[in-house]
Amino acid sequence: MVVHNADLDRVDLSAPAEVVAGETFTLSAAGFDAYDNPYIVGDPDVDIDASSGTLSISTLTLDAAGVASDSGA
């Protein structure tokens, strides 16, 4: 039996507890539907909107497991 995810419901972000201004750090994201299934079918791009404008990445692309990781300052 194959389970297909529903629409993207949430994206969990993780980053280090502390970062130094101007230093690179890794931001990880995992997408899930409302039933906690990994988001693997659908638009894989997650837009990142930093109101302060201090992140150098604007989009993360979820992989086949519904996970993405990128480094930016």
N, C-alpha and C. Protein backbone atom coordinates (compact mmCIF):
# COMPACT_ATOMS: atom_id res chain seq x y z
N MET A 1 0.84 -1.18 0.00
CA MET A 1 0.00 0.00 0.00
C MET A 1 0.89 1.24 0.00
N VAL A 2 0.56 2.19 -0.85
CA VAL A 2 1.30 3.45 -0.93
C VAL A 2 0.46 4.56 -0.31
N VAL A 3 1.07 5.32 0.57
CA VAL A 3 0.39 6.46 1.19
C VAL A 3 0.92 7.73 0.55
N HIS A 4 0.03 8.53 0.00
CA HIS A 4 0.41 9.83 -0.57
C HIS A 4 0.04 10.92 0.42
N ASN A 5 0.92 11.87 0.56
CA ASN A 5 0.63 12.96 1.50
C ASN A 5 -0.51 13.84 1.00
N ALA A 6 -1.14 14.52 1.95
CA ALA A 6 -2.14 15.54 1.63
C ALA A 6 -1.40 16.85 1.38
N ASP A 7 -2.12 17.96 1.30
CA ASP A 7 -1.50 19.27 1.10
C ASP A 7 -0.53 19.59 2.24
N LEU A 8 0.46 20.40 1.92
CA LEU A 8 1.42 20.82 2.92
C LEU A 8 0.70 21.57 4.04
N ASP A 9 0.91 21.11 5.26
CA ASP A 9 0.25 21.71 6.42
C ASP A 9 1.23 22.54 7.25
N ARG A 10 2.45 22.05 7.40
CA ARG A 10 3.43 22.78 8.21
C ARG A 10 4.84 22.43 7.77
N VAL A 11 5.76 23.33 8.10
CA VAL A 11 7.18 23.11 7.87
C VAL A 11 7.87 23.35 9.20
N ASP A 12 8.54 22.32 9.70
CA ASP A 12 9.32 22.45 10.93
C ASP A 12 10.72 22.90 10.57
N LEU A 13 11.17 23.99 11.18
CA LEU A 13 12.52 24.52 10.94
C LEU A 13 13.40 24.23 12.13
N SER A 14 14.66 23.97 11.86
CA SER A 14 15.61 23.83 12.95
C SER A 14 16.90 24.55 12.57
N ALA A 15 17.48 25.17 13.57
CA ALA A 15 18.74 25.91 13.41
C ALA A 15 19.47 25.84 14.74
N PRO A 16 20.74 26.17 14.76
CA PRO A 16 21.47 26.17 16.03
C PRO A 16 20.81 27.10 17.04
N ALA A 17 20.94 26.77 18.31
CA ALA A 17 20.37 27.60 19.37
C ALA A 17 21.01 28.98 19.41
N GLU A 18 22.28 29.05 19.04
CA GLU A 18 22.99 30.32 19.02
C GLU A 18 23.77 30.43 17.72
N VAL A 19 23.76 31.61 17.14
CA VAL A 19 24.57 31.88 15.94
C VAL A 19 25.26 33.23 16.14
N VAL A 20 26.38 33.38 15.47
CA VAL A 20 27.14 34.64 15.53
C VAL A 20 26.79 35.45 14.30
N ALA A 21 26.47 36.71 14.51
CA ALA A 21 26.13 37.59 13.39
C ALA A 21 27.20 37.55 12.32
N GLY A 22 26.77 37.36 11.08
CA GLY A 22 27.68 37.33 9.95
C GLY A 22 28.29 35.96 9.67
N GLU A 23 28.12 35.00 10.59
CA GLU A 23 28.65 33.66 10.39
C GLU A 23 27.61 32.78 9.70
N THR A 24 28.08 31.81 8.94
CA THR A 24 27.20 30.87 8.26
C THR A 24 26.66 29.84 9.24
N PHE A 25 25.40 29.47 9.08
CA PHE A 25 24.81 28.41 9.88
C PHE A 25 23.88 27.60 8.99
N THR A 26 23.50 26.42 9.44
CA THR A 26 22.63 25.55 8.66
C THR A 26 21.19 25.64 9.14
N LEU A 27 20.29 25.85 8.21
CA LEU A 27 18.85 25.87 8.47
C LEU A 27 18.27 24.61 7.82
N SER A 28 17.57 23.82 8.61
CA SER A 28 16.96 22.59 8.09
C SER A 28 15.45 22.72 8.17
N ALA A 29 14.77 22.10 7.21
CA ALA A 29 13.31 22.16 7.16
C ALA A 29 12.77 20.76 6.85
N ALA A 30 11.62 20.45 7.44
CA ALA A 30 10.93 19.20 7.14
C ALA A 30 9.46 19.52 6.97
N GLY A 31 8.88 19.11 5.84
CA GLY A 31 7.49 19.40 5.53
C GLY A 31 6.58 18.23 5.87
N PHE A 32 5.39 18.53 6.37
CA PHE A 32 4.43 17.50 6.76
C PHE A 32 3.02 17.92 6.36
N ASP A 33 2.17 16.92 6.12
CA ASP A 33 0.76 17.21 5.88
C ASP A 33 0.03 17.23 7.24
N ALA A 34 -1.27 17.42 7.23
CA ALA A 34 -2.05 17.52 8.47
C ALA A 34 -2.08 16.23 9.27
N TYR A 35 -1.66 15.12 8.63
CA TYR A 35 -1.67 13.81 9.29
C TYR A 35 -0.27 13.38 9.70
N ASP A 36 0.68 14.32 9.67
CA ASP A 36 2.09 14.10 10.01
C ASP A 36 2.83 13.19 9.04
N ASN A 37 2.31 13.02 7.82
CA ASN A 37 3.05 12.30 6.79
C ASN A 37 4.07 13.25 6.19
N PRO A 38 5.27 12.76 5.86
CA PRO A 38 6.25 13.62 5.19
C PRO A 38 5.67 14.16 3.88
N TYR A 39 5.93 15.42 3.61
CA TYR A 39 5.43 16.05 2.39
C TYR A 39 6.39 15.74 1.26
N ILE A 40 6.05 14.73 0.44
CA ILE A 40 6.95 14.29 -0.62
C ILE A 40 6.35 14.40 -2.01
N VAL A 41 5.04 14.64 -2.10
CA VAL A 41 4.38 14.77 -3.40
C VAL A 41 3.74 16.15 -3.46
N GLY A 42 4.12 16.95 -4.44
CA GLY A 42 3.59 18.31 -4.58
C GLY A 42 4.74 19.27 -4.83
N ASP A 43 4.47 20.54 -4.70
CA ASP A 43 5.47 21.58 -4.91
C ASP A 43 6.54 21.46 -3.82
N PRO A 44 7.78 21.13 -4.18
CA PRO A 44 8.81 20.91 -3.17
C PRO A 44 9.48 22.19 -2.66
N ASP A 45 9.16 23.34 -3.24
CA ASP A 45 9.82 24.58 -2.85
C ASP A 45 9.10 25.25 -1.69
N VAL A 46 9.87 25.58 -0.66
CA VAL A 46 9.35 26.29 0.51
C VAL A 46 10.00 27.67 0.51
N ASP A 47 9.18 28.73 0.42
CA ASP A 47 9.70 30.09 0.42
C ASP A 47 10.05 30.51 1.84
N ILE A 48 11.21 31.12 1.99
CA ILE A 48 11.68 31.63 3.28
C ILE A 48 11.56 33.14 3.24
N ASP A 49 10.80 33.70 4.17
CA ASP A 49 10.60 35.14 4.22
C ASP A 49 11.15 35.66 5.55
N ALA A 50 12.31 36.25 5.50
CA ALA A 50 12.93 36.83 6.69
C ALA A 50 12.62 38.32 6.70
N SER A 51 11.75 38.73 7.59
CA SER A 51 11.33 40.14 7.61
C SER A 51 12.51 41.08 7.84
N SER A 52 13.57 40.58 8.48
CA SER A 52 14.73 41.44 8.70
C SER A 52 15.61 41.51 7.46
N GLY A 53 15.39 40.59 6.51
CA GLY A 53 16.17 40.59 5.28
C GLY A 53 17.61 40.14 5.47
N THR A 54 17.88 39.42 6.54
CA THR A 54 19.26 39.06 6.84
C THR A 54 19.63 37.62 6.46
N LEU A 55 18.71 36.85 5.90
CA LEU A 55 19.05 35.51 5.43
C LEU A 55 19.41 35.58 3.96
N SER A 56 20.42 34.81 3.56
CA SER A 56 20.85 34.84 2.17
C SER A 56 20.11 33.82 1.31
N ILE A 57 19.25 33.00 1.91
CA ILE A 57 18.46 32.03 1.14
C ILE A 57 17.00 32.47 1.15
N SER A 58 16.32 32.23 0.06
CA SER A 58 14.91 32.61 0.00
C SER A 58 14.00 31.43 -0.27
N THR A 59 14.59 30.28 -0.69
CA THR A 59 13.80 29.09 -0.97
C THR A 59 14.58 27.85 -0.56
N LEU A 60 13.89 26.91 0.08
CA LEU A 60 14.43 25.58 0.33
C LEU A 60 13.63 24.60 -0.51
N THR A 61 14.28 23.60 -1.08
CA THR A 61 13.59 22.61 -1.88
C THR A 61 13.58 21.28 -1.12
N LEU A 62 12.38 20.81 -0.78
CA LEU A 62 12.24 19.55 -0.06
C LEU A 62 12.64 18.39 -0.97
N ASP A 63 13.38 17.43 -0.42
CA ASP A 63 13.80 16.28 -1.20
C ASP A 63 12.75 15.18 -1.16
N ALA A 64 13.08 13.99 -1.64
CA ALA A 64 12.12 12.88 -1.73
C ALA A 64 11.65 12.40 -0.37
N ALA A 65 12.36 12.77 0.69
CA ALA A 65 11.94 12.41 2.06
C ALA A 65 11.20 13.56 2.74
N GLY A 66 10.99 14.67 2.03
CA GLY A 66 10.30 15.83 2.60
C GLY A 66 11.19 16.70 3.46
N VAL A 67 12.52 16.61 3.27
CA VAL A 67 13.49 17.31 4.10
C VAL A 67 14.39 18.18 3.22
N ALA A 68 14.81 19.32 3.78
CA ALA A 68 15.74 20.20 3.07
C ALA A 68 16.74 20.77 4.08
N SER A 69 17.90 21.13 3.59
CA SER A 69 18.92 21.74 4.44
C SER A 69 19.75 22.66 3.57
N ASP A 70 20.09 23.83 4.11
CA ASP A 70 20.92 24.78 3.38
C ASP A 70 21.66 25.62 4.38
N SER A 71 22.78 26.14 3.96
CA SER A 71 23.58 27.01 4.82
C SER A 71 23.53 28.42 4.27
N GLY A 72 23.41 29.38 5.17
CA GLY A 72 23.37 30.77 4.78
C GLY A 72 23.70 31.64 5.96
N ALA A 73 24.11 32.85 5.69
CA ALA A 73 24.44 33.78 6.78
C ALA A 73 23.26 34.64 7.09
